[in-house]
Amino acid sequence: MRFLRQYLLANAGLKLLAIGVSVLLWATYTAEPFAEVGFQVPLEFTSIPTQLEIAGEVPTTLHVRVRGRSALLRRMTPSDLTARIDLQNRKEGDSLIRITPAMIGAPFGANVVRVSPAEFHLNLVPSSAPRAPVG
């Protein structure tokens, strides 16, 4: 018991100062307001099968609404957000692509709340470009 009392009371002034500084930092951080900002984010299609290509009109950018601390959002740029659609297992023909906020990559502390358009049609057709010889 004596050891515990000595351990807790040793440098008591410094311990109280550390707690005070911690509370001050916490209060400053939590007092910062939340904000919501919109970004135009380029849409990236990955893993397109080699024998297929995208045909028709598809969006090239998405409008993404992001919520977070205002200091974080002031520093953010559209390049901090990623919108990737993986087409690896897609077959030839028309398909409906749905985009949810969870599919958008955002920095820590920023939450994607809305994506527009949330869905669009994608038409994959056989590639008409000649293939270059490999080797």
N, C-alpha and C. Protein backbone atom coordinates (compact mmCIF):
# COMPACT_ATOMS: atom_id res chain seq x y z
N MET A 1 0.82 -1.18 0.00
CA MET A 1 0.00 0.00 0.00
C MET A 1 0.87 1.26 0.00
N ARG A 2 1.94 1.19 0.76
CA ARG A 2 2.83 2.35 0.84
C ARG A 2 3.48 2.62 -0.53
N PHE A 3 3.87 1.56 -1.24
CA PHE A 3 4.47 1.70 -2.57
C PHE A 3 3.48 2.36 -3.54
N LEU A 4 2.22 1.93 -3.50
CA LEU A 4 1.20 2.49 -4.37
C LEU A 4 0.98 3.97 -4.09
N ARG A 5 0.92 4.34 -2.84
CA ARG A 5 0.72 5.73 -2.46
C ARG A 5 1.92 6.57 -2.93
N GLN A 6 3.11 6.05 -2.78
CA GLN A 6 4.31 6.75 -3.22
C GLN A 6 4.31 6.91 -4.74
N TYR A 7 3.90 5.90 -5.44
CA TYR A 7 3.86 5.91 -6.90
C TYR A 7 2.86 6.94 -7.41
N LEU A 8 1.69 7.02 -6.81
CA LEU A 8 0.66 7.95 -7.26
C LEU A 8 0.99 9.40 -6.92
N LEU A 9 1.61 9.64 -5.80
CA LEU A 9 1.86 11.01 -5.36
C LEU A 9 3.20 11.57 -5.81
N ALA A 10 4.07 10.74 -6.36
CA ALA A 10 5.36 11.22 -6.86
C ALA A 10 5.11 12.14 -8.06
N ASN A 11 5.73 13.31 -8.07
CA ASN A 11 5.58 14.29 -9.15
C ASN A 11 4.12 14.67 -9.37
N ALA A 12 3.38 14.87 -8.32
CA ALA A 12 1.95 15.16 -8.41
C ALA A 12 1.69 16.45 -9.19
N GLY A 13 2.54 17.45 -9.05
CA GLY A 13 2.37 18.71 -9.79
C GLY A 13 2.47 18.51 -11.29
N LEU A 14 3.45 17.74 -11.71
CA LEU A 14 3.61 17.46 -13.14
C LEU A 14 2.44 16.63 -13.69
N LYS A 15 1.96 15.71 -12.90
CA LYS A 15 0.82 14.88 -13.33
C LYS A 15 -0.43 15.74 -13.49
N LEU A 16 -0.66 16.65 -12.56
CA LEU A 16 -1.82 17.55 -12.67
C LEU A 16 -1.67 18.48 -13.87
N LEU A 17 -0.47 18.97 -14.12
CA LEU A 17 -0.23 19.81 -15.29
C LEU A 17 -0.50 19.04 -16.58
N ALA A 18 -0.07 17.79 -16.67
CA ALA A 18 -0.30 16.96 -17.85
C ALA A 18 -1.78 16.73 -18.08
N ILE A 19 -2.53 16.48 -17.01
CA ILE A 19 -3.98 16.29 -17.14
C ILE A 19 -4.64 17.58 -17.61
N GLY A 20 -4.20 18.72 -17.07
CA GLY A 20 -4.76 20.01 -17.48
C GLY A 20 -4.51 20.31 -18.95
N VAL A 21 -3.29 20.06 -19.42
CA VAL A 21 -2.96 20.27 -20.84
C VAL A 21 -3.79 19.34 -21.72
N SER A 22 -3.95 18.10 -21.30
CA SER A 22 -4.75 17.13 -22.07
C SER A 22 -6.20 17.58 -22.19
N VAL A 23 -6.78 18.04 -21.11
CA VAL A 23 -8.16 18.51 -21.13
C VAL A 23 -8.29 19.74 -22.02
N LEU A 24 -7.33 20.64 -21.98
CA LEU A 24 -7.35 21.83 -22.82
C LEU A 24 -7.29 21.46 -24.30
N LEU A 25 -6.39 20.54 -24.66
CA LEU A 25 -6.30 20.09 -26.06
C LEU A 25 -7.58 19.40 -26.51
N TRP A 26 -8.13 18.56 -25.67
CA TRP A 26 -9.38 17.86 -26.01
C TRP A 26 -10.51 18.86 -26.22
N ALA A 27 -10.62 19.86 -25.34
CA ALA A 27 -11.69 20.86 -25.46
C ALA A 27 -11.52 21.69 -26.72
N THR A 28 -10.29 22.01 -27.09
CA THR A 28 -10.04 22.77 -28.31
C THR A 28 -10.43 21.96 -29.54
N TYR A 29 -10.08 20.69 -29.56
CA TYR A 29 -10.38 19.85 -30.71
C TYR A 29 -11.89 19.64 -30.87
N THR A 30 -12.58 19.36 -29.79
CA THR A 30 -14.01 19.07 -29.89
C THR A 30 -14.84 20.32 -30.12
N ALA A 31 -14.28 21.50 -29.89
CA ALA A 31 -15.02 22.74 -30.12
C ALA A 31 -15.05 23.11 -31.60
N GLU A 32 -14.18 22.51 -32.40
CA GLU A 32 -14.15 22.82 -33.82
C GLU A 32 -15.42 22.28 -34.50
N PRO A 33 -16.10 23.11 -35.28
CA PRO A 33 -17.36 22.67 -35.87
C PRO A 33 -17.17 21.67 -37.03
N PHE A 34 -18.22 20.90 -37.25
CA PHE A 34 -18.25 20.01 -38.41
C PHE A 34 -18.76 20.80 -39.60
N ALA A 35 -18.33 20.40 -40.78
CA ALA A 35 -18.78 21.05 -42.01
C ALA A 35 -19.02 19.97 -43.06
N GLU A 36 -19.65 20.37 -44.14
CA GLU A 36 -19.92 19.46 -45.26
C GLU A 36 -19.55 20.18 -46.55
N VAL A 37 -18.78 19.50 -47.40
CA VAL A 37 -18.27 20.09 -48.63
C VAL A 37 -18.49 19.12 -49.78
N GLY A 38 -18.69 19.64 -50.98
CA GLY A 38 -18.83 18.81 -52.17
C GLY A 38 -17.58 18.86 -53.03
N PHE A 39 -17.24 17.73 -53.63
CA PHE A 39 -16.08 17.63 -54.52
C PHE A 39 -16.50 16.91 -55.80
N GLN A 40 -15.87 17.29 -56.91
CA GLN A 40 -15.99 16.55 -58.17
C GLN A 40 -14.81 15.60 -58.21
N VAL A 41 -15.09 14.30 -58.14
CA VAL A 41 -14.05 13.28 -58.06
C VAL A 41 -14.02 12.48 -59.35
N PRO A 42 -12.84 12.30 -59.98
CA PRO A 42 -12.77 11.50 -61.20
C PRO A 42 -13.13 10.04 -60.92
N LEU A 43 -13.87 9.45 -61.84
CA LEU A 43 -14.29 8.05 -61.72
C LEU A 43 -13.29 7.19 -62.49
N GLU A 44 -12.76 6.18 -61.81
CA GLU A 44 -11.73 5.32 -62.38
C GLU A 44 -12.28 3.90 -62.52
N PHE A 45 -12.14 3.35 -63.72
CA PHE A 45 -12.54 1.96 -63.96
C PHE A 45 -11.28 1.11 -63.98
N THR A 46 -11.24 0.06 -63.15
CA THR A 46 -10.06 -0.79 -63.07
C THR A 46 -10.39 -2.22 -63.48
N SER A 47 -9.38 -2.96 -63.83
CA SER A 47 -9.45 -4.39 -64.16
C SER A 47 -10.47 -4.68 -65.26
N ILE A 48 -10.46 -3.87 -66.32
CA ILE A 48 -11.35 -4.11 -67.46
C ILE A 48 -10.82 -5.34 -68.19
N PRO A 49 -11.67 -6.34 -68.45
CA PRO A 49 -11.20 -7.52 -69.19
C PRO A 49 -10.59 -7.11 -70.52
N THR A 50 -9.51 -7.79 -70.92
CA THR A 50 -8.74 -7.39 -72.11
C THR A 50 -9.56 -7.45 -73.39
N GLN A 51 -10.53 -8.33 -73.49
CA GLN A 51 -11.29 -8.47 -74.73
C GLN A 51 -12.51 -7.54 -74.78
N LEU A 52 -12.73 -6.76 -73.72
CA LEU A 52 -13.90 -5.87 -73.66
C LEU A 52 -13.48 -4.42 -73.52
N GLU A 53 -14.40 -3.51 -73.93
CA GLU A 53 -14.19 -2.09 -73.74
C GLU A 53 -15.51 -1.44 -73.39
N ILE A 54 -15.44 -0.26 -72.80
CA ILE A 54 -16.64 0.48 -72.39
C ILE A 54 -17.19 1.22 -73.59
N ALA A 55 -18.50 1.08 -73.82
CA ALA A 55 -19.16 1.76 -74.92
C ALA A 55 -20.26 2.66 -74.37
N GLY A 56 -20.57 3.70 -75.11
CA GLY A 56 -21.67 4.58 -74.71
C GLY A 56 -21.23 5.64 -73.71
N GLU A 57 -22.23 6.33 -73.20
CA GLU A 57 -21.98 7.42 -72.26
C GLU A 57 -21.94 6.91 -70.83
N VAL A 58 -20.85 7.19 -70.16
CA VAL A 58 -20.72 6.90 -68.73
C VAL A 58 -20.17 8.15 -68.06
N PRO A 59 -20.49 8.37 -66.78
CA PRO A 59 -19.96 9.56 -66.11
C PRO A 59 -18.44 9.47 -65.95
N THR A 60 -17.78 10.60 -66.07
CA THR A 60 -16.33 10.64 -65.87
C THR A 60 -15.99 11.16 -64.47
N THR A 61 -16.94 11.85 -63.84
CA THR A 61 -16.74 12.34 -62.48
C THR A 61 -17.99 12.08 -61.66
N LEU A 62 -17.80 12.06 -60.36
CA LEU A 62 -18.90 11.91 -59.41
C LEU A 62 -18.91 13.14 -58.50
N HIS A 63 -20.09 13.56 -58.11
CA HIS A 63 -20.20 14.62 -57.11
C HIS A 63 -20.30 13.93 -55.75
N VAL A 64 -19.31 14.20 -54.89
CA VAL A 64 -19.20 13.52 -53.60
C VAL A 64 -19.33 14.56 -52.49
N ARG A 65 -20.27 14.33 -51.55
CA ARG A 65 -20.43 15.20 -50.38
C ARG A 65 -19.70 14.56 -49.21
N VAL A 66 -18.82 15.35 -48.56
CA VAL A 66 -17.98 14.85 -47.48
C VAL A 66 -18.24 15.68 -46.23
N ARG A 67 -18.34 15.00 -45.08
CA ARG A 67 -18.54 15.67 -43.80
C ARG A 67 -17.35 15.37 -42.90
N GLY A 68 -16.91 16.42 -42.17
CA GLY A 68 -15.80 16.27 -41.24
C GLY A 68 -15.49 17.58 -40.56
N ARG A 69 -14.41 17.60 -39.80
CA ARG A 69 -13.98 18.82 -39.14
C ARG A 69 -13.61 19.85 -40.20
N SER A 70 -13.96 21.12 -39.95
CA SER A 70 -13.77 22.15 -40.97
C SER A 70 -12.29 22.34 -41.32
N ALA A 71 -11.38 22.19 -40.37
CA ALA A 71 -9.95 22.33 -40.67
C ALA A 71 -9.49 21.25 -41.63
N LEU A 72 -9.98 20.03 -41.47
CA LEU A 72 -9.63 18.93 -42.37
C LEU A 72 -10.18 19.19 -43.76
N LEU A 73 -11.42 19.61 -43.85
CA LEU A 73 -12.05 19.82 -45.15
C LEU A 73 -11.41 20.99 -45.90
N ARG A 74 -10.90 21.98 -45.22
CA ARG A 74 -10.23 23.11 -45.89
C ARG A 74 -8.94 22.63 -46.57
N ARG A 75 -8.30 21.63 -46.00
CA ARG A 75 -7.05 21.11 -46.58
C ARG A 75 -7.29 20.08 -47.68
N MET A 76 -8.49 19.54 -47.76
CA MET A 76 -8.76 18.46 -48.72
C MET A 76 -8.87 18.98 -50.15
N THR A 77 -8.48 18.11 -51.08
CA THR A 77 -8.63 18.37 -52.51
C THR A 77 -9.32 17.14 -53.12
N PRO A 78 -9.86 17.26 -54.33
CA PRO A 78 -10.48 16.09 -54.96
C PRO A 78 -9.53 14.91 -55.11
N SER A 79 -8.23 15.16 -55.19
CA SER A 79 -7.28 14.05 -55.34
C SER A 79 -7.13 13.24 -54.05
N ASP A 80 -7.64 13.75 -52.93
CA ASP A 80 -7.62 12.99 -51.68
C ASP A 80 -8.72 11.93 -51.64
N LEU A 81 -9.67 12.02 -52.55
CA LEU A 81 -10.78 11.06 -52.62
C LEU A 81 -10.58 10.15 -53.82
N THR A 82 -10.97 8.88 -53.67
CA THR A 82 -10.84 7.93 -54.78
C THR A 82 -12.18 7.27 -55.05
N ALA A 83 -12.51 7.18 -56.33
CA ALA A 83 -13.74 6.50 -56.76
C ALA A 83 -13.34 5.48 -57.82
N ARG A 84 -13.23 4.22 -57.40
CA ARG A 84 -12.81 3.15 -58.31
C ARG A 84 -13.91 2.12 -58.46
N ILE A 85 -14.14 1.72 -59.70
CA ILE A 85 -15.10 0.66 -60.01
C ILE A 85 -14.31 -0.49 -60.60
N ASP A 86 -14.36 -1.65 -59.95
CA ASP A 86 -13.64 -2.83 -60.41
C ASP A 86 -14.52 -3.60 -61.39
N LEU A 87 -14.04 -3.76 -62.61
CA LEU A 87 -14.82 -4.46 -63.65
C LEU A 87 -14.27 -5.84 -63.95
N GLN A 88 -13.51 -6.43 -63.05
CA GLN A 88 -12.82 -7.68 -63.30
C GLN A 88 -13.76 -8.82 -63.68
N ASN A 89 -14.85 -8.99 -62.98
CA ASN A 89 -15.75 -10.13 -63.23
C ASN A 89 -16.96 -9.76 -64.08
N ARG A 90 -16.93 -8.64 -64.75
CA ARG A 90 -18.07 -8.21 -65.58
C ARG A 90 -18.04 -8.94 -66.91
N LYS A 91 -19.24 -9.20 -67.39
CA LYS A 91 -19.41 -9.87 -68.69
C LYS A 91 -19.85 -8.85 -69.73
N GLU A 92 -19.81 -9.27 -70.98
CA GLU A 92 -20.26 -8.43 -72.09
C GLU A 92 -21.74 -8.09 -71.92
N GLY A 93 -22.08 -6.86 -72.26
CA GLY A 93 -23.48 -6.43 -72.20
C GLY A 93 -23.68 -5.26 -71.26
N ASP A 94 -24.95 -4.93 -71.07
CA ASP A 94 -25.33 -3.78 -70.26
C ASP A 94 -25.50 -4.22 -68.81
N SER A 95 -24.98 -3.41 -67.88
CA SER A 95 -25.15 -3.71 -66.46
C SER A 95 -25.34 -2.41 -65.69
N LEU A 96 -26.02 -2.52 -64.57
CA LEU A 96 -26.28 -1.37 -63.71
C LEU A 96 -25.19 -1.31 -62.64
N ILE A 97 -24.53 -0.18 -62.56
CA ILE A 97 -23.48 0.04 -61.56
C ILE A 97 -24.06 0.92 -60.47
N ARG A 98 -24.02 0.44 -59.23
CA ARG A 98 -24.48 1.21 -58.07
C ARG A 98 -23.26 1.64 -57.27
N ILE A 99 -23.24 2.92 -56.91
CA ILE A 99 -22.13 3.47 -56.14
C ILE A 99 -22.65 3.92 -54.79
N THR A 100 -22.07 3.37 -53.74
CA THR A 100 -22.46 3.75 -52.38
C THR A 100 -21.34 4.60 -51.76
N PRO A 101 -21.66 5.38 -50.73
CA PRO A 101 -20.61 6.16 -50.07
C PRO A 101 -19.46 5.31 -49.54
N ALA A 102 -19.73 4.06 -49.19
CA ALA A 102 -18.67 3.17 -48.67
C ALA A 102 -17.65 2.82 -49.75
N MET A 103 -18.00 2.98 -51.02
CA MET A 103 -17.09 2.65 -52.12
C MET A 103 -16.10 3.79 -52.41
N ILE A 104 -16.28 4.94 -51.80
CA ILE A 104 -15.42 6.09 -52.04
C ILE A 104 -14.34 6.13 -50.96
N GLY A 105 -13.11 6.17 -51.37
CA GLY A 105 -12.00 6.25 -50.43
C GLY A 105 -11.80 7.69 -49.97
N ALA A 106 -11.76 7.89 -48.66
CA ALA A 106 -11.61 9.23 -48.08
C ALA A 106 -10.58 9.18 -46.97
N PRO A 107 -9.92 10.31 -46.68
CA PRO A 107 -8.95 10.34 -45.59
C PRO A 107 -9.60 10.12 -44.23
N PHE A 108 -8.79 9.72 -43.26
CA PHE A 108 -9.27 9.50 -41.91
C PHE A 108 -9.88 10.79 -41.36
N GLY A 109 -11.06 10.70 -40.78
CA GLY A 109 -11.74 11.86 -40.22
C GLY A 109 -12.76 12.47 -41.15
N ALA A 110 -12.76 12.06 -42.42
CA ALA A 110 -13.73 12.55 -43.39
C ALA A 110 -14.70 11.42 -43.72
N ASN A 111 -16.00 11.71 -43.68
CA ASN A 111 -17.02 10.71 -43.97
C ASN A 111 -17.77 11.10 -45.23
N VAL A 112 -17.84 10.18 -46.18
CA VAL A 112 -18.62 10.42 -47.40
C VAL A 112 -20.08 10.20 -47.05
N VAL A 113 -20.92 11.21 -47.30
CA VAL A 113 -22.34 11.11 -46.94
C VAL A 113 -23.24 10.93 -48.16
N ARG A 114 -22.77 11.35 -49.35
CA ARG A 114 -23.64 11.24 -50.52
C ARG A 114 -22.79 11.19 -51.79
N VAL A 115 -23.24 10.39 -52.75
CA VAL A 115 -22.58 10.28 -54.05
C VAL A 115 -23.63 10.47 -55.13
N SER A 116 -23.30 11.28 -56.12
CA SER A 116 -24.24 11.51 -57.22
C SER A 116 -23.47 11.46 -58.54
N PRO A 117 -23.89 10.71 -59.52
CA PRO A 117 -25.04 9.81 -59.54
C PRO A 117 -24.75 8.56 -58.72
N ALA A 118 -25.79 8.04 -58.11
CA ALA A 118 -25.65 6.85 -57.27
C ALA A 118 -25.68 5.58 -58.10
N GLU A 119 -26.17 5.67 -59.33
CA GLU A 119 -26.17 4.51 -60.22
C GLU A 119 -26.17 4.97 -61.67
N PHE A 120 -25.63 4.12 -62.54
CA PHE A 120 -25.62 4.41 -63.97
C PHE A 120 -25.47 3.09 -64.72
N HIS A 121 -25.79 3.11 -66.02
CA HIS A 121 -25.66 1.92 -66.85
C HIS A 121 -24.30 1.92 -67.53
N LEU A 122 -23.71 0.73 -67.59
CA LEU A 122 -22.41 0.54 -68.22
C LEU A 122 -22.55 -0.56 -69.26
N ASN A 123 -22.12 -0.27 -70.48
CA ASN A 123 -22.21 -1.24 -71.56
C ASN A 123 -20.80 -1.68 -71.95
N LEU A 124 -20.53 -2.97 -71.79
CA LEU A 124 -19.25 -3.54 -72.20
C LEU A 124 -19.44 -4.30 -73.51
N VAL A 125 -18.62 -3.96 -74.49
CA VAL A 125 -18.71 -4.59 -75.81
C VAL A 125 -17.35 -5.18 -76.16
N PRO A 126 -17.33 -6.12 -77.13
CA PRO A 126 -16.04 -6.68 -77.55
C PRO A 126 -15.13 -5.57 -78.09
N SER A 127 -13.86 -5.67 -77.77
CA SER A 127 -12.90 -4.65 -78.18
C SER A 127 -12.71 -4.69 -79.69
N SER A 128 -12.68 -3.50 -80.31
CA SER A 128 -12.48 -3.42 -81.75
C SER A 128 -11.05 -3.07 -82.10
N ALA A 129 -10.24 -2.73 -81.12
CA ALA A 129 -8.84 -2.34 -81.37
C ALA A 129 -8.01 -3.59 -81.65
N PRO A 130 -7.13 -3.52 -82.66
CA PRO A 130 -6.25 -4.67 -82.92
C PRO A 130 -5.26 -4.87 -81.77
N ARG A 131 -4.96 -6.11 -81.50
CA ARG A 131 -4.05 -6.45 -80.41
C ARG A 131 -2.59 -6.43 -80.90
N ALA A 132 -1.73 -5.84 -80.10
CA ALA A 132 -0.30 -5.84 -80.42
C ALA A 132 0.27 -7.21 -80.03
N PRO A 133 1.20 -7.71 -80.85
CA PRO A 133 1.80 -9.00 -80.52
C PRO A 133 2.60 -8.91 -79.20
N VAL A 134 2.51 -9.94 -78.41
CA VAL A 134 3.21 -9.99 -77.13
C VAL A 134 4.51 -10.76 -77.33
N GLY A 135 5.62 -10.20 -76.83
CA GLY A 135 6.86 -10.95 -76.89
C GLY A 135 7.95 -10.29 -77.56
